[in-house]
Amino acid sequence: MDKSIHSAQYKVFLKVLRDARRRAGLTQIDLAKRIGETQSFVSKCERGEPRIDAIELRVFCAAFGITLKQFARMLERRLPRGPPQQPPRAHRGGRGRWWQERDRPA
């Protein structure tokens, strides 16, 4: 699974987050006051730095006046249909099973 904060799906998540704030009629400053943070923190979160965890998202949702479930529905409507696209796994170069079998004497 792509855990990069720069994945296409995470960009959609950030857009839904910004849209939810705007729908609630809140500026970044208003939201910051509601969650006890700075406007700078809100701005960074909306840009994807740092990556928002589920507990933080729940706090944001409460400040927007929506539930986490409502946010998830909004996100699901915006994400592409079907299973998430997973990038091919990079070879780690470690001692996996193929390595052990290759070096095993015949």
C-alpha atoms as a PDB file:
ATOM      1  CA  MET A   1       0.000   0.000   0.000  1.00  0.00           C
ATOM      2  CA  ASP A   2       1.298   3.437  -0.907  1.00  0.00           C
ATOM      3  CA  LYS A   3       1.737   5.305   2.376  1.00  0.00           C
ATOM      4  CA  SER A   4       3.161   8.399   0.775  1.00  0.00           C
ATOM      5  CA  ILE A   5       1.527  11.663   1.715  1.00  0.00           C
ATOM      6  CA  HIS A   6       1.775  12.458  -1.978  1.00  0.00           C
ATOM      7  CA  SER A   7      -0.437   9.622  -3.235  1.00  0.00           C
ATOM      8  CA  ALA A   8      -3.338  10.542  -5.490  1.00  0.00           C
ATOM      9  CA  GLN A   9      -5.794   9.218  -2.923  1.00  0.00           C
ATOM     10  CA  TYR A  10      -4.287  11.312  -0.133  1.00  0.00           C
ATOM     11  CA  LYS A  11      -4.576  14.401  -2.347  1.00  0.00           C
ATOM     12  CA  VAL A  12      -8.291  13.647  -2.683  1.00  0.00           C
ATOM     13  CA  PHE A  13      -8.479  13.240   1.109  1.00  0.00           C
ATOM     14  CA  LEU A  14      -6.885  16.676   1.593  1.00  0.00           C
ATOM     15  CA  LYS A  15      -9.287  18.260  -0.891  1.00  0.00           C
ATOM     16  CA  VAL A  16     -12.275  16.756   0.957  1.00  0.00           C
ATOM     17  CA  LEU A  17     -10.814  18.055   4.234  1.00  0.00           C
ATOM     18  CA  ARG A  18     -10.540  21.606   2.853  1.00  0.00           C
ATOM     19  CA  ASP A  19     -13.994  21.398   1.294  1.00  0.00           C
ATOM     20  CA  ALA A  20     -15.502  20.218   4.591  1.00  0.00           C
ATOM     21  CA  ARG A  21     -13.970  23.202   6.380  1.00  0.00           C
ATOM     22  CA  ARG A  22     -15.300  25.598   3.763  1.00  0.00           C
ATOM     23  CA  ARG A  23     -18.770  23.995   3.825  1.00  0.00           C
ATOM     24  CA  ALA A  24     -18.794  24.564   7.574  1.00  0.00           C
ATOM     25  CA  GLY A  25     -18.165  28.251   6.846  1.00  0.00           C
ATOM     26  CA  LEU A  26     -14.840  28.223   8.687  1.00  0.00           C
ATOM     27  CA  THR A  27     -11.612  29.965   7.856  1.00  0.00           C
ATOM     28  CA  GLN A  28      -8.335  28.323   8.805  1.00  0.00           C
ATOM     29  CA  ILE A  29      -8.171  30.743  11.740  1.00  0.00           C
ATOM     30  CA  ASP A  30     -11.686  29.779  12.902  1.00  0.00           C
ATOM     31  CA  LEU A  31     -10.832  26.081  12.682  1.00  0.00           C
ATOM     32  CA  ALA A  32      -7.547  26.606  14.522  1.00  0.00           C
ATOM     33  CA  LYS A  33      -9.376  28.267  17.415  1.00  0.00           C
ATOM     34  CA  ARG A  34     -11.908  25.444  17.600  1.00  0.00           C
ATOM     35  CA  ILE A  35      -9.252  22.727  17.773  1.00  0.00           C
ATOM     36  CA  GLY A  36      -6.788  24.654  19.931  1.00  0.00           C
ATOM     37  CA  GLU A  37      -4.073  24.920  17.306  1.00  0.00           C
ATOM     38  CA  THR A  38      -2.515  27.657  15.202  1.00  0.00           C
ATOM     39  CA  GLN A  39      -3.610  28.722  11.733  1.00  0.00           C
ATOM     40  CA  SER A  40      -0.194  27.563  10.543  1.00  0.00           C
ATOM     41  CA  PHE A  41      -0.908  24.038  11.821  1.00  0.00           C
ATOM     42  CA  VAL A  42      -4.238  23.942   9.970  1.00  0.00           C
ATOM     43  CA  SER A  43      -2.579  25.170   6.791  1.00  0.00           C
ATOM     44  CA  LYS A  44       0.121  22.512   7.027  1.00  0.00           C
ATOM     45  CA  CYS A  45      -2.469  19.791   7.625  1.00  0.00           C
ATOM     46  CA  GLU A  46      -4.413  20.909   4.562  1.00  0.00           C
ATOM     47  CA  ARG A  47      -1.189  20.700   2.532  1.00  0.00           C
ATOM     48  CA  GLY A  48      -0.421  17.219   3.823  1.00  0.00           C
ATOM     49  CA  GLU A  49       2.295  17.972   6.341  1.00  0.00           C
ATOM     50  CA  PRO A  50       1.994  16.264   8.725  1.00  0.00           C
ATOM     51  CA  ARG A  51      -0.089  13.267   7.678  1.00  0.00           C
ATOM     52  CA  ILE A  52      -3.378  13.344   9.610  1.00  0.00           C
ATOM     53  CA  ASP A  53      -4.253  10.304  11.710  1.00  0.00           C
ATOM     54  CA  ALA A  54      -7.760   9.044  12.540  1.00  0.00           C
ATOM     55  CA  ILE A  55      -7.902  10.709  15.951  1.00  0.00           C
ATOM     56  CA  GLU A  56      -6.913  14.094  14.528  1.00  0.00           C
ATOM     57  CA  LEU A  57      -9.442  13.663  11.731  1.00  0.00           C
ATOM     58  CA  ARG A  58     -12.153  13.014  14.321  1.00  0.00           C
ATOM     59  CA  VAL A  59     -11.251  16.327  16.027  1.00  0.00           C
ATOM     60  CA  PHE A  60     -11.389  18.155  12.685  1.00  0.00           C
ATOM     61  CA  CYS A  61     -14.783  16.607  11.907  1.00  0.00           C
ATOM     62  CA  ALA A  62     -16.199  17.655  15.282  1.00  0.00           C
ATOM     63  CA  ALA A  63     -15.038  21.204  14.570  1.00  0.00           C
ATOM     64  CA  PHE A  64     -16.791  21.052  11.157  1.00  0.00           C
ATOM     65  CA  GLY A  65     -19.980  19.846  12.848  1.00  0.00           C
ATOM     66  CA  ILE A  66     -19.966  16.480  11.062  1.00  0.00           C
ATOM     67  CA  THR A  67     -19.238  12.927  12.127  1.00  0.00           C
ATOM     68  CA  LEU A  68     -16.290  10.860  11.038  1.00  0.00           C
ATOM     69  CA  LYS A  69     -18.786   8.626   9.237  1.00  0.00           C
ATOM     70  CA  GLN A  70     -20.138  11.594   7.258  1.00  0.00           C
ATOM     71  CA  PHE A  71     -16.598  12.603   6.316  1.00  0.00           C
ATOM     72  CA  ALA A  72     -15.860   9.044   5.181  1.00  0.00           C
ATOM     73  CA  ARG A  73     -18.937   9.087   2.948  1.00  0.00           C
ATOM     74  CA  MET A  74     -17.818  12.355   1.370  1.00  0.00           C
ATOM     75  CA  LEU A  75     -14.371  10.886   0.793  1.00  0.00           C
ATOM     76  CA  GLU A  76     -15.740   7.654  -0.694  1.00  0.00           C
ATOM     77  CA  ARG A  77     -17.818   9.641  -3.193  1.00  0.00           C
ATOM     78  CA  ARG A  78     -14.665  11.448  -4.393  1.00  0.00           C
ATOM     79  CA  LEU A  79     -12.297   8.479  -4.600  1.00  0.00           C
ATOM     80  CA  PRO A  80     -12.133   6.436  -7.817  1.00  0.00           C
ATOM     81  CA  ARG A  81     -14.326   3.334  -7.962  1.00  0.00           C
ATOM     82  CA  GLY A  82     -12.782  -0.089  -7.481  1.00  0.00           C
ATOM     83  CA  PRO A  83      -9.931  -1.298  -5.331  1.00  0.00           C
ATOM     84  CA  PRO A  84      -7.119   1.140  -4.548  1.00  0.00           C
ATOM     85  CA  GLN A  85      -4.258   1.003  -7.005  1.00  0.00           C
ATOM     86  CA  GLN A  86      -1.138  -0.395  -5.435  1.00  0.00           C
ATOM     87  CA  PRO A  87       2.292   0.350  -6.839  1.00  0.00           C
ATOM     88  CA  PRO A  88       4.562  -2.608  -7.551  1.00  0.00           C
ATOM     89  CA  ARG A  89       6.613  -3.625  -4.539  1.00  0.00           C
ATOM     90  CA  ALA A  90      10.230  -2.621  -4.689  1.00  0.00           C
ATOM     91  CA  HIS A  91      12.830  -5.283  -4.069  1.00  0.00           C
ATOM     92  CA  ARG A  92      14.165  -4.824  -0.551  1.00  0.00           C
ATOM     93  CA  GLY A  93      17.467  -6.578  -1.161  1.00  0.00           C
ATOM     94  CA  GLY A  94      17.201  -8.441   2.122  1.00  0.00           C
ATOM     95  CA  ARG A  95      17.500 -12.124   2.795  1.00  0.00           C
ATOM     96  CA  GLY A  96      14.155 -13.340   1.598  1.00  0.00           C
ATOM     97  CA  ARG A  97      13.254 -16.919   0.764  1.00  0.00           C
ATOM     98  CA  TRP A  98      14.504 -16.632  -2.834  1.00  0.00           C
ATOM     99  CA  TRP A  99      17.903 -15.555  -1.537  1.00  0.00           C
ATOM    100  CA  GLN A 100      18.233 -18.528   0.785  1.00  0.00           C
ATOM    101  CA  GLU A 101      17.190 -21.007  -1.875  1.00  0.00           C
ATOM    102  CA  ARG A 102      19.538 -19.556  -4.480  1.00  0.00           C
ATOM    103  CA  ASP A 103      22.588 -19.824  -2.217  1.00  0.00           C
ATOM    104  CA  ARG A 104      21.724 -23.278  -0.859  1.00  0.00           C
ATOM    105  CA  PRO A 105      24.227 -25.948  -1.967  1.00  0.00           C
ATOM    106  CA  ALA A 106      22.765 -28.453  -4.431  1.00  0.00           C
END
